Amino acid sequence: MGGTLLNALTVAIGSALGLLVGGRLPGRIQESVVTGLGLVTLFVGISNAGQTGNVIIPLLSIALGAILGEMLDLDGALQRLAGWLQARFAGGSGASGDARQRFVTGYITASLVFCVGPLTILGSIQDGMGLAIGFQQLAIKSVLDGFAALAFAASFGVGVSFSILTVLVVQGGLALAGSALGSFMTPPMVNEMTGVGGLVLMGLALVLLDVKKPRMANFLPALLIAPLLVAAATALGINIYPL
């Protein structure tokens, strides 16, 4: 859990610094910063998506995950959570629609960026297993997330700082899972989960680049479906990585 706590701390510091400088940045600069973050997110997403060894696994995971996510309306749940957080802690009851949407966008975008990726998944699980490499990976992620939080908060405002809650819940949950089930996660399972995470990040990049606004939170079940498909194929003796 040490890596998760460090990550939450760096996001808090980055968000605070971003809020200090954000109000001093002209709108066109904030827009350019968001575009830059979108390009970087797209690059990271493409890189992560390449970790898959068989594109059929991400295809099935994304399709099934999207169906499940839409049925559960995960994106709507996150929207409502973000709206409640704004009303409860950020004086959102009298805020304009634009201010509320800015808060919600900042919260959801930062939460997804900070909690979807190989360092999040592998680092948290290994940290929960008590492996030094897990903490090292989360330490690297913490530095990256700190700078990203600064840029996001400067553009989207205080909503970004509430992504600390998501980091604690998601990474903390993965760390607890690692302490109990870490040995169950084989390298192919982690690779396919990373590949699906890359596709989710690519979708998030479309939002940052203002190309399309998919409900990316509804794709999150795919991150769980991918390793389960690998485990099922292994149990059935199916070779998912043909030569």
Protein backbone atom coordinates (compact mmCIF):
# COMPACT_ATOMS: atom_id res chain seq x y z
CA MET A 1 0.00 0.00 0.00
CA GLY A 2 3.01 2.29 0.35
CA GLY A 3 3.16 2.94 -3.37
CA THR A 4 -0.53 3.84 -3.49
CA LEU A 5 -0.17 6.34 -0.64
CA LEU A 6 2.85 7.91 -2.37
CA ASN A 7 0.86 8.16 -5.60
CA ALA A 8 -2.05 9.86 -3.84
CA LEU A 9 0.37 12.34 -2.26
CA THR A 10 1.97 13.33 -5.56
CA VAL A 11 -1.45 13.76 -7.19
CA ALA A 12 -2.47 16.00 -4.28
CA ILE A 13 0.68 18.13 -4.63
CA GLY A 14 0.36 18.32 -8.42
CA SER A 15 -3.32 19.26 -8.20
CA ALA A 16 -2.60 21.99 -5.63
CA LEU A 17 0.13 23.49 -7.80
CA GLY A 18 -2.12 23.29 -10.85
CA LEU A 19 -4.91 25.12 -9.04
CA LEU A 20 -2.46 27.87 -8.06
CA VAL A 21 -1.29 28.50 -11.62
CA GLY A 22 -4.47 27.56 -13.48
CA GLY A 23 -6.32 30.80 -12.87
CA ARG A 24 -3.35 32.75 -14.24
CA LEU A 25 -3.32 30.93 -17.58
CA PRO A 26 -5.26 32.38 -20.54
CA GLY A 27 -7.96 30.17 -22.02
CA ARG A 28 -6.01 29.48 -25.21
CA ILE A 29 -3.05 28.18 -23.20
CA GLN A 30 -5.30 25.90 -21.15
CA GLU A 31 -6.82 24.60 -24.39
CA SER A 32 -3.38 23.87 -25.82
CA VAL A 33 -2.33 22.10 -22.62
CA VAL A 34 -5.37 19.81 -22.82
CA THR A 35 -4.62 19.08 -26.48
CA GLY A 36 -1.04 18.22 -25.57
CA LEU A 37 -2.23 15.89 -22.83
CA GLY A 38 -4.58 14.28 -25.34
CA LEU A 39 -1.71 13.61 -27.74
CA VAL A 40 0.43 12.11 -24.99
CA THR A 41 -2.50 9.98 -23.78
CA LEU A 42 -3.02 8.75 -27.34
CA PHE A 43 0.65 7.80 -27.63
CA VAL A 44 0.63 5.93 -24.30
CA GLY A 45 -2.61 4.19 -25.28
CA ILE A 46 -1.20 2.99 -28.60
CA SER A 47 1.96 1.80 -26.86
CA ASN A 48 0.01 -0.12 -24.22
CA ALA A 49 -2.41 -1.59 -26.75
CA GLY A 50 0.57 -3.15 -28.51
CA GLN A 51 1.19 -5.35 -25.45
CA THR A 52 -1.53 -7.77 -26.55
CA GLY A 53 -0.40 -11.00 -28.14
CA ASN A 54 -3.72 -11.71 -29.82
CA VAL A 55 -6.02 -8.88 -30.89
CA ILE A 56 -9.03 -11.18 -30.50
CA ILE A 57 -8.72 -10.94 -26.69
CA PRO A 58 -9.00 -7.09 -26.58
CA LEU A 59 -11.74 -7.25 -29.22
CA LEU A 60 -13.89 -9.62 -27.18
CA SER A 61 -13.03 -7.83 -23.93
CA ILE A 62 -13.96 -4.39 -25.23
CA ALA A 63 -17.20 -5.64 -26.82
CA LEU A 64 -18.34 -7.60 -23.76
CA GLY A 65 -17.07 -4.91 -21.39
CA ALA A 66 -18.95 -2.18 -23.23
CA ILE A 67 -22.19 -4.17 -23.11
CA LEU A 68 -21.80 -4.80 -19.39
CA GLY A 69 -20.73 -1.23 -18.69
CA GLU A 70 -23.70 0.20 -20.59
CA MET A 71 -26.07 -2.11 -18.76
CA LEU A 72 -24.61 -1.01 -15.42
CA ASP A 73 -24.32 2.62 -16.61
CA LEU A 74 -20.90 3.02 -14.99
CA ASP A 75 -20.30 6.33 -16.77
CA GLY A 76 -23.57 7.69 -15.40
CA ALA A 77 -22.60 6.51 -11.93
CA LEU A 78 -19.27 8.32 -12.16
CA GLN A 79 -21.03 11.43 -13.45
CA ARG A 80 -23.38 11.36 -10.49
CA LEU A 81 -20.51 10.76 -8.07
CA ALA A 82 -18.57 13.67 -9.51
CA GLY A 83 -21.66 15.89 -9.33
CA TRP A 84 -22.22 14.89 -5.70
CA LEU A 85 -18.59 15.60 -4.83
CA GLN A 86 -18.83 19.03 -6.41
CA ALA A 87 -22.07 19.86 -4.61
CA ARG A 88 -20.78 18.53 -1.29
CA PHE A 89 -17.21 19.80 -1.25
CA ALA A 90 -16.76 22.37 -4.05
CA GLY A 91 -19.80 24.57 -3.67
CA GLY A 92 -21.49 23.09 -6.71
CA SER A 93 -25.09 23.71 -5.69
CA GLY A 94 -25.02 27.19 -7.17
CA ALA A 95 -22.54 26.54 -9.93
CA SER A 96 -23.35 26.98 -13.60
CA GLY A 97 -23.74 24.04 -15.95
CA ASP A 98 -20.36 24.79 -17.52
CA ALA A 99 -18.66 24.81 -14.12
CA ARG A 100 -20.26 21.51 -13.19
CA GLN A 101 -19.25 19.91 -16.49
CA ARG A 102 -15.70 21.19 -16.05
CA PHE A 103 -15.55 19.61 -12.59
CA VAL A 104 -16.99 16.32 -13.83
CA THR A 105 -14.66 16.22 -16.84
CA GLY A 106 -11.64 16.93 -14.68
CA TYR A 107 -12.54 14.26 -12.15
CA ILE A 108 -13.36 11.50 -14.63
CA THR A 109 -10.48 12.27 -17.00
CA ALA A 110 -7.88 12.34 -14.24
CA SER A 111 -9.32 9.23 -12.59
CA LEU A 112 -9.10 7.22 -15.81
CA VAL A 113 -5.62 8.46 -16.74
CA PHE A 114 -4.23 7.76 -13.27
CA CYS A 115 -5.89 4.36 -12.84
CA VAL A 116 -5.66 2.72 -16.28
CA GLY A 117 -2.28 1.47 -17.40
CA PRO A 118 0.38 -1.17 -16.85
CA LEU A 119 2.10 0.65 -13.99
CA THR A 120 -1.21 0.91 -12.14
CA ILE A 121 -2.13 -2.73 -12.60
CA LEU A 122 1.20 -4.50 -12.34
CA GLY A 123 2.75 -2.06 -9.87
CA SER A 124 -0.20 -2.18 -7.46
CA ILE A 125 -0.47 -5.97 -7.55
CA GLN A 126 3.27 -6.45 -7.01
CA ASP A 127 3.28 -3.81 -4.28
CA GLY A 128 0.51 -5.73 -2.54
CA MET A 129 2.61 -8.88 -2.85
CA GLY A 130 5.38 -7.11 -0.97
CA LEU A 131 7.77 -7.01 -3.95
CA ALA A 132 10.20 -4.08 -4.09
CA ILE A 133 9.77 -3.75 -7.84
CA GLY A 134 6.08 -2.99 -7.31
CA PHE A 135 6.84 0.00 -5.11
CA GLN A 136 9.50 1.17 -7.58
CA GLN A 137 7.01 1.06 -10.44
CA LEU A 138 4.43 3.02 -8.45
CA ALA A 139 7.12 5.53 -7.45
CA ILE A 140 7.80 6.19 -11.15
CA LYS A 141 4.06 6.42 -11.82
CA SER A 142 3.68 8.82 -8.89
CA VAL A 143 6.12 11.29 -10.41
CA LEU A 144 4.40 11.11 -13.81
CA ASP A 145 0.94 11.46 -12.25
CA GLY A 146 2.10 14.45 -10.20
CA PHE A 147 3.04 16.40 -13.32
CA ALA A 148 -0.10 15.24 -15.12
CA ALA A 149 -2.24 16.35 -12.15
CA LEU A 150 -0.62 19.78 -12.31
CA ALA A 151 -1.50 20.14 -15.99
CA PHE A 152 -5.02 18.74 -15.59
CA ALA A 153 -5.83 20.89 -12.56
CA ALA A 154 -4.55 24.00 -14.33
CA SER A 155 -7.04 23.31 -17.13
CA PHE A 156 -10.01 21.59 -15.46
CA GLY A 157 -9.84 22.92 -11.91
CA VAL A 158 -10.56 21.38 -8.53
CA GLY A 159 -12.32 18.29 -9.86
CA VAL A 160 -8.92 16.79 -10.66
CA SER A 161 -7.91 16.79 -6.99
CA PHE A 162 -10.83 14.47 -6.13
CA SER A 163 -9.27 11.80 -8.35
CA ILE A 164 -7.12 11.07 -5.27
CA LEU A 165 -10.13 9.12 -3.96
CA THR A 166 -10.19 7.00 -7.10
CA VAL A 167 -6.45 6.35 -6.88
CA LEU A 168 -6.79 5.19 -3.29
CA VAL A 169 -9.76 2.93 -4.03
CA VAL A 170 -8.52 1.41 -7.31
CA GLN A 171 -4.83 1.03 -6.54
CA GLY A 172 -5.54 0.12 -2.95
CA GLY A 173 -7.97 -2.54 -4.14
CA LEU A 174 -5.42 -3.92 -6.60
CA ALA A 175 -2.80 -4.00 -3.86
CA LEU A 176 -5.16 -5.95 -1.60
CA ALA A 177 -5.93 -8.29 -4.49
CA GLY A 178 -2.20 -8.71 -5.05
CA SER A 179 -1.69 -9.73 -1.46
CA ALA A 180 -4.36 -12.41 -1.85
CA LEU A 181 -4.38 -13.42 -5.52
CA GLY A 182 -1.21 -11.96 -7.00
CA SER A 183 0.20 -15.36 -7.94
CA PHE A 184 -2.93 -16.00 -10.05
CA MET A 185 -2.04 -13.19 -12.49
CA THR A 186 0.22 -14.67 -15.15
CA PRO A 187 2.25 -12.50 -17.58
CA PRO A 188 -0.19 -13.16 -20.48
CA MET A 189 -3.11 -12.05 -18.28
CA VAL A 190 -1.29 -8.84 -17.35
CA ASN A 191 -0.32 -8.21 -20.99
CA GLU A 192 -3.88 -8.56 -22.25
CA MET A 193 -5.21 -6.36 -19.43
CA THR A 194 -2.58 -3.78 -20.39
CA GLY A 195 -3.59 -4.00 -24.04
CA VAL A 196 -7.24 -3.37 -23.20
CA GLY A 197 -6.20 -0.51 -20.93
CA GLY A 198 -4.37 1.01 -23.88
CA LEU A 199 -7.57 0.99 -25.93
CA VAL A 200 -9.40 2.69 -23.07
CA LEU A 201 -6.71 5.38 -22.96
CA MET A 202 -7.00 5.87 -26.73
CA GLY A 203 -10.72 6.46 -26.28
CA LEU A 204 -9.98 8.94 -23.52
CA ALA A 205 -7.59 10.74 -25.85
CA LEU A 206 -10.50 11.31 -28.23
CA VAL A 207 -12.28 13.15 -25.41
CA LEU A 208 -9.23 15.32 -24.63
CA LEU A 209 -8.72 16.09 -28.30
CA ASP A 210 -12.42 17.00 -28.63
CA VAL A 211 -12.84 14.50 -31.48
CA LYS A 212 -15.56 12.39 -29.88
CA LYS A 213 -16.97 11.98 -26.39
CA PRO A 214 -17.41 8.24 -25.81
CA ARG A 215 -18.60 7.05 -22.40
CA MET A 216 -15.20 5.56 -21.53
CA ALA A 217 -16.11 4.54 -17.98
CA ASN A 218 -18.52 2.03 -19.50
CA PHE A 219 -15.55 0.20 -21.04
CA LEU A 220 -13.87 -0.44 -17.67
CA PRO A 221 -15.32 -3.98 -17.22
CA ALA A 222 -13.15 -4.98 -20.19
CA LEU A 223 -10.11 -4.69 -17.91
CA LEU A 224 -11.47 -7.55 -15.82
CA ILE A 225 -12.79 -9.58 -18.73
CA ALA A 226 -9.41 -9.71 -20.54
CA PRO A 227 -7.48 -11.70 -17.91
CA LEU A 228 -10.51 -13.92 -17.29
CA LEU A 229 -10.59 -14.82 -21.00
CA VAL A 230 -6.90 -15.70 -20.84
CA ALA A 231 -7.46 -17.82 -17.73
CA ALA A 232 -10.42 -19.59 -19.36
CA ALA A 233 -8.45 -20.30 -22.54
CA THR A 234 -5.57 -21.69 -20.49
CA ALA A 235 -7.88 -23.92 -18.46
CA LEU A 236 -9.43 -25.26 -21.69
CA GLY A 237 -6.03 -25.86 -23.24
CA ILE A 238 -6.56 -23.26 -25.97
CA ASN A 239 -3.40 -21.63 -27.32
CA ILE A 240 -4.23 -17.93 -27.67
CA TYR A 241 -0.77 -17.11 -29.02
CA PRO A 242 -0.44 -19.28 -32.15
CA LEU A 243 2.89 -19.19 -33.95
